[in-house]
Structure formats: C-alpha cells, structure tokens
N, C-alpha and C. Protein backbone atom coordinates (compact mmCIF):
# COMPACT_ATOMS: atom_id res chain seq x y z
N MET A 1 0.84 -1.18 0.00
CA MET A 1 0.00 0.00 0.00
C MET A 1 0.89 1.24 0.00
N LEU A 2 0.59 2.15 -0.87
CA LEU A 2 1.27 3.43 -0.92
C LEU A 2 0.55 4.39 0.02
N VAL A 3 1.26 5.03 0.92
CA VAL A 3 0.67 5.98 1.86
C VAL A 3 1.24 7.36 1.55
N LEU A 4 0.34 8.32 1.31
CA LEU A 4 0.74 9.68 0.96
C LEU A 4 0.13 10.68 1.93
N THR A 5 0.81 11.77 2.15
CA THR A 5 0.28 12.87 2.95
C THR A 5 0.00 14.03 2.01
N ARG A 6 -1.20 14.60 2.10
CA ARG A 6 -1.60 15.72 1.27
C ARG A 6 -2.22 16.78 2.15
N ARG A 7 -2.09 18.02 1.75
CA ARG A 7 -2.72 19.14 2.44
C ARG A 7 -3.93 19.59 1.64
N LEU A 8 -4.73 20.43 2.25
CA LEU A 8 -5.92 20.98 1.62
C LEU A 8 -5.57 21.56 0.25
N GLY A 9 -6.30 21.15 -0.78
CA GLY A 9 -6.08 21.64 -2.13
C GLY A 9 -5.05 20.88 -2.94
N GLU A 10 -4.30 20.00 -2.30
CA GLU A 10 -3.28 19.23 -3.03
C GLU A 10 -3.90 18.01 -3.70
N ARG A 11 -3.25 17.56 -4.77
CA ARG A 11 -3.78 16.47 -5.60
C ARG A 11 -2.88 15.24 -5.57
N ILE A 12 -3.51 14.13 -5.93
CA ILE A 12 -2.82 12.88 -6.20
C ILE A 12 -3.26 12.46 -7.60
N LYS A 13 -2.31 12.09 -8.45
CA LYS A 13 -2.62 11.60 -9.79
C LYS A 13 -2.48 10.08 -9.80
N ILE A 14 -3.46 9.42 -10.41
CA ILE A 14 -3.43 7.97 -10.60
C ILE A 14 -3.45 7.74 -12.11
N GLY A 15 -2.33 7.37 -12.65
CA GLY A 15 -2.21 7.26 -14.10
C GLY A 15 -2.43 8.63 -14.73
N ASP A 16 -2.85 8.63 -16.00
CA ASP A 16 -3.10 9.87 -16.71
C ASP A 16 -4.53 10.36 -16.56
N ASP A 17 -5.43 9.46 -16.14
CA ASP A 17 -6.86 9.75 -16.23
C ASP A 17 -7.58 10.00 -14.91
N VAL A 18 -6.91 9.80 -13.77
CA VAL A 18 -7.60 9.96 -12.49
C VAL A 18 -6.83 10.95 -11.62
N SER A 19 -7.58 11.87 -11.02
CA SER A 19 -7.01 12.87 -10.13
C SER A 19 -7.85 12.93 -8.86
N VAL A 20 -7.18 12.92 -7.69
CA VAL A 20 -7.87 13.01 -6.41
C VAL A 20 -7.36 14.27 -5.71
N VAL A 21 -8.28 15.12 -5.25
CA VAL A 21 -7.90 16.37 -4.59
C VAL A 21 -8.56 16.43 -3.21
N VAL A 22 -7.82 16.94 -2.22
CA VAL A 22 -8.36 17.13 -0.88
C VAL A 22 -9.14 18.44 -0.89
N LEU A 23 -10.47 18.34 -0.71
CA LEU A 23 -11.34 19.51 -0.77
C LEU A 23 -11.58 20.15 0.59
N GLU A 24 -11.66 19.31 1.63
CA GLU A 24 -12.00 19.83 2.95
C GLU A 24 -11.51 18.85 4.01
N ILE A 25 -11.03 19.40 5.11
CA ILE A 25 -10.66 18.60 6.28
C ILE A 25 -11.43 19.18 7.45
N LYS A 26 -12.29 18.36 8.04
CA LYS A 26 -13.17 18.85 9.10
C LYS A 26 -13.30 17.77 10.16
N GLY A 27 -12.77 18.04 11.35
CA GLY A 27 -12.82 17.03 12.40
C GLY A 27 -12.08 15.78 11.96
N GLY A 28 -12.75 14.64 12.05
CA GLY A 28 -12.14 13.37 11.67
C GLY A 28 -12.47 12.95 10.25
N GLN A 29 -12.98 13.88 9.43
CA GLN A 29 -13.35 13.54 8.06
C GLN A 29 -12.56 14.35 7.05
N VAL A 30 -12.28 13.71 5.93
CA VAL A 30 -11.62 14.37 4.81
C VAL A 30 -12.54 14.26 3.61
N ARG A 31 -12.81 15.38 2.97
CA ARG A 31 -13.66 15.40 1.77
C ARG A 31 -12.75 15.40 0.55
N LEU A 32 -12.96 14.41 -0.32
CA LEU A 32 -12.12 14.26 -1.51
C LEU A 32 -12.93 14.53 -2.76
N GLY A 33 -12.30 15.10 -3.75
CA GLY A 33 -12.87 15.23 -5.08
C GLY A 33 -12.12 14.29 -6.00
N ILE A 34 -12.85 13.55 -6.81
CA ILE A 34 -12.22 12.59 -7.72
C ILE A 34 -12.62 12.93 -9.14
N GLU A 35 -11.64 13.18 -9.98
CA GLU A 35 -11.88 13.46 -11.39
C GLU A 35 -11.43 12.25 -12.20
N ALA A 36 -12.38 11.67 -12.93
CA ALA A 36 -12.08 10.51 -13.77
C ALA A 36 -13.07 10.48 -14.91
N SER A 37 -12.68 9.85 -16.01
CA SER A 37 -13.62 9.73 -17.12
C SER A 37 -14.77 8.83 -16.70
N SER A 38 -15.88 8.93 -17.41
CA SER A 38 -17.05 8.12 -17.08
C SER A 38 -16.79 6.63 -17.31
N ALA A 39 -15.71 6.29 -17.99
CA ALA A 39 -15.35 4.89 -18.21
C ALA A 39 -14.70 4.26 -16.98
N VAL A 40 -14.31 5.09 -16.02
CA VAL A 40 -13.68 4.60 -14.79
C VAL A 40 -14.70 4.61 -13.67
N PRO A 41 -15.13 3.43 -13.19
CA PRO A 41 -16.10 3.40 -12.10
C PRO A 41 -15.47 3.90 -10.80
N VAL A 42 -16.16 4.81 -10.11
CA VAL A 42 -15.69 5.35 -8.84
C VAL A 42 -16.83 5.23 -7.84
N HIS A 43 -16.59 4.50 -6.75
CA HIS A 43 -17.62 4.29 -5.73
C HIS A 43 -16.98 4.31 -4.35
N ARG A 44 -17.76 4.67 -3.34
CA ARG A 44 -17.35 4.45 -1.95
C ARG A 44 -17.30 2.93 -1.75
N GLU A 45 -16.45 2.46 -0.84
CA GLU A 45 -16.28 1.01 -0.67
C GLU A 45 -17.57 0.30 -0.33
N GLU A 46 -18.40 0.88 0.54
CA GLU A 46 -19.64 0.19 0.93
C GLU A 46 -20.60 0.05 -0.25
N ILE A 47 -20.59 1.01 -1.16
CA ILE A 47 -21.42 0.92 -2.36
C ILE A 47 -20.83 -0.13 -3.30
N TRP A 48 -19.52 -0.14 -3.45
CA TRP A 48 -18.86 -1.13 -4.31
C TRP A 48 -19.17 -2.55 -3.84
N LYS A 49 -19.17 -2.76 -2.52
CA LYS A 49 -19.48 -4.10 -1.98
C LYS A 49 -20.91 -4.51 -2.32
N LYS A 50 -21.86 -3.57 -2.23
CA LYS A 50 -23.24 -3.88 -2.59
C LYS A 50 -23.36 -4.22 -4.08
N ILE A 51 -22.66 -3.47 -4.90
CA ILE A 51 -22.67 -3.73 -6.34
C ILE A 51 -22.09 -5.11 -6.63
N LYS A 52 -20.97 -5.42 -6.00
CA LYS A 52 -20.33 -6.72 -6.20
C LYS A 52 -21.25 -7.85 -5.75
N GLN A 53 -21.89 -7.68 -4.61
CA GLN A 53 -22.81 -8.71 -4.11
C GLN A 53 -23.98 -8.90 -5.08
N GLN A 54 -24.52 -7.79 -5.58
CA GLN A 54 -25.63 -7.87 -6.53
C GLN A 54 -25.20 -8.61 -7.79
N ARG A 55 -24.01 -8.30 -8.29
CA ARG A 55 -23.51 -8.97 -9.50
C ARG A 55 -23.33 -10.46 -9.25
N GLU A 56 -22.77 -10.83 -8.09
CA GLU A 56 -22.58 -12.24 -7.77
C GLU A 56 -23.91 -12.98 -7.71
N GLU A 57 -24.93 -12.34 -7.14
CA GLU A 57 -26.25 -12.95 -7.07
C GLU A 57 -26.83 -13.14 -8.47
N GLU A 58 -26.65 -12.14 -9.33
CA GLU A 58 -27.17 -12.23 -10.70
C GLU A 58 -26.42 -13.27 -11.52
N ASP A 59 -25.12 -13.43 -11.25
CA ASP A 59 -24.30 -14.38 -12.00
C ASP A 59 -24.26 -15.75 -11.34
N GLY A 60 -25.06 -15.95 -10.31
CA GLY A 60 -25.06 -17.23 -9.62
C GLY A 60 -23.78 -17.48 -8.84
N GLY A 61 -23.18 -16.41 -8.30
CA GLY A 61 -21.98 -16.55 -7.49
C GLY A 61 -20.68 -16.51 -8.27
N ALA A 62 -20.74 -16.37 -9.58
CA ALA A 62 -19.52 -16.35 -10.40
C ALA A 62 -19.32 -14.97 -11.00
N ALA A 63 -18.93 -14.01 -10.15
CA ALA A 63 -18.71 -12.64 -10.63
C ALA A 63 -17.52 -12.61 -11.57
N ARG A 64 -17.63 -11.83 -12.63
CA ARG A 64 -16.55 -11.71 -13.60
C ARG A 64 -15.51 -10.73 -13.04
N ALA A 65 -14.30 -11.19 -12.92
CA ALA A 65 -13.24 -10.35 -12.38
C ALA A 65 -12.80 -9.29 -13.38
N ASP A 66 -13.06 -9.50 -14.67
CA ASP A 66 -12.58 -8.58 -15.70
C ASP A 66 -13.49 -7.38 -15.90
N ALA A 67 -14.70 -7.42 -15.37
CA ALA A 67 -15.66 -6.33 -15.60
C ALA A 67 -15.86 -5.54 -14.31
N PRO A 68 -15.87 -4.20 -14.40
CA PRO A 68 -16.11 -3.41 -13.20
C PRO A 68 -17.54 -3.57 -12.73
N PRO A 69 -17.78 -3.46 -11.42
CA PRO A 69 -19.15 -3.59 -10.92
C PRO A 69 -20.01 -2.44 -11.42
N VAL A 70 -21.26 -2.74 -11.72
CA VAL A 70 -22.21 -1.74 -12.19
C VAL A 70 -23.45 -1.84 -11.33
N LEU A 71 -23.92 -0.71 -10.82
CA LEU A 71 -25.11 -0.67 -9.99
C LEU A 71 -26.33 -0.58 -10.88
N HIS A 72 -27.25 -1.52 -10.72
CA HIS A 72 -28.50 -1.50 -11.47
C HIS A 72 -29.54 -0.78 -10.64
N GLY A 73 -30.33 0.06 -11.25
CA GLY A 73 -31.33 0.83 -10.52
C GLY A 73 -30.76 2.17 -10.12
N ALA A 74 -31.40 2.79 -9.14
CA ALA A 74 -31.03 4.14 -8.72
C ALA A 74 -29.71 4.14 -7.97
N CYS A 75 -28.89 5.14 -8.25
CA CYS A 75 -27.65 5.34 -7.52
C CYS A 75 -27.92 6.23 -6.32
N LEU A 76 -27.10 6.10 -5.30
CA LEU A 76 -27.23 6.96 -4.13
C LEU A 76 -26.71 8.35 -4.48
N ALA A 77 -27.20 9.34 -3.76
CA ALA A 77 -26.75 10.72 -3.99
C ALA A 77 -25.24 10.80 -3.82
N GLY A 78 -24.60 11.48 -4.71
CA GLY A 78 -23.16 11.65 -4.64
C GLY A 78 -22.39 10.58 -5.39
N GLU A 79 -23.04 9.53 -5.81
CA GLU A 79 -22.38 8.48 -6.58
C GLU A 79 -22.59 8.77 -8.06
N ARG A 80 -21.62 8.38 -8.88
CA ARG A 80 -21.83 8.51 -10.32
C ARG A 80 -21.78 7.19 -10.96
C-alpha cells in the first residue's frame, strides 16, 4: 500500500486519467474530489461491496473479475 500525505487543495494523480484532490478537512473527516472519465467506475467502498454482491447474485456466485461492478437501478446521492 502506498501511503501519501496531502494538504488541503493538493492532488494525487493515478495514471493519466484519475485525479484526487483534498477539498475539505473537518474534524475526523476528509472530503475528496475525484476526477475521472465516465469509463472509470468510482464508488465508496460500501457501495462497491453492494454492487459486487448484486452482481454475484445475478451471476449465480460467479462474478466476472474482468468487468467493473455496475449498480442497477437508482444510484445513491453523490455516486456517479
């Protein structure tokens, strides 16, 4: 695991297509902005787990490792 320290307004680049910026630090929470093309799925971990579980149920327990998880139905606010 790579561990980085960033200050408010500083960015982290992931490859050429993903950028993460620290937007706000308040108490014990950090607000991040993530810039990525629509081809790159970006989810909070708890949402990703629900998507993965849904896919496994639909595939009969054989989730495809090569395909990113996709949420069917309504997305939660703040998710894209």
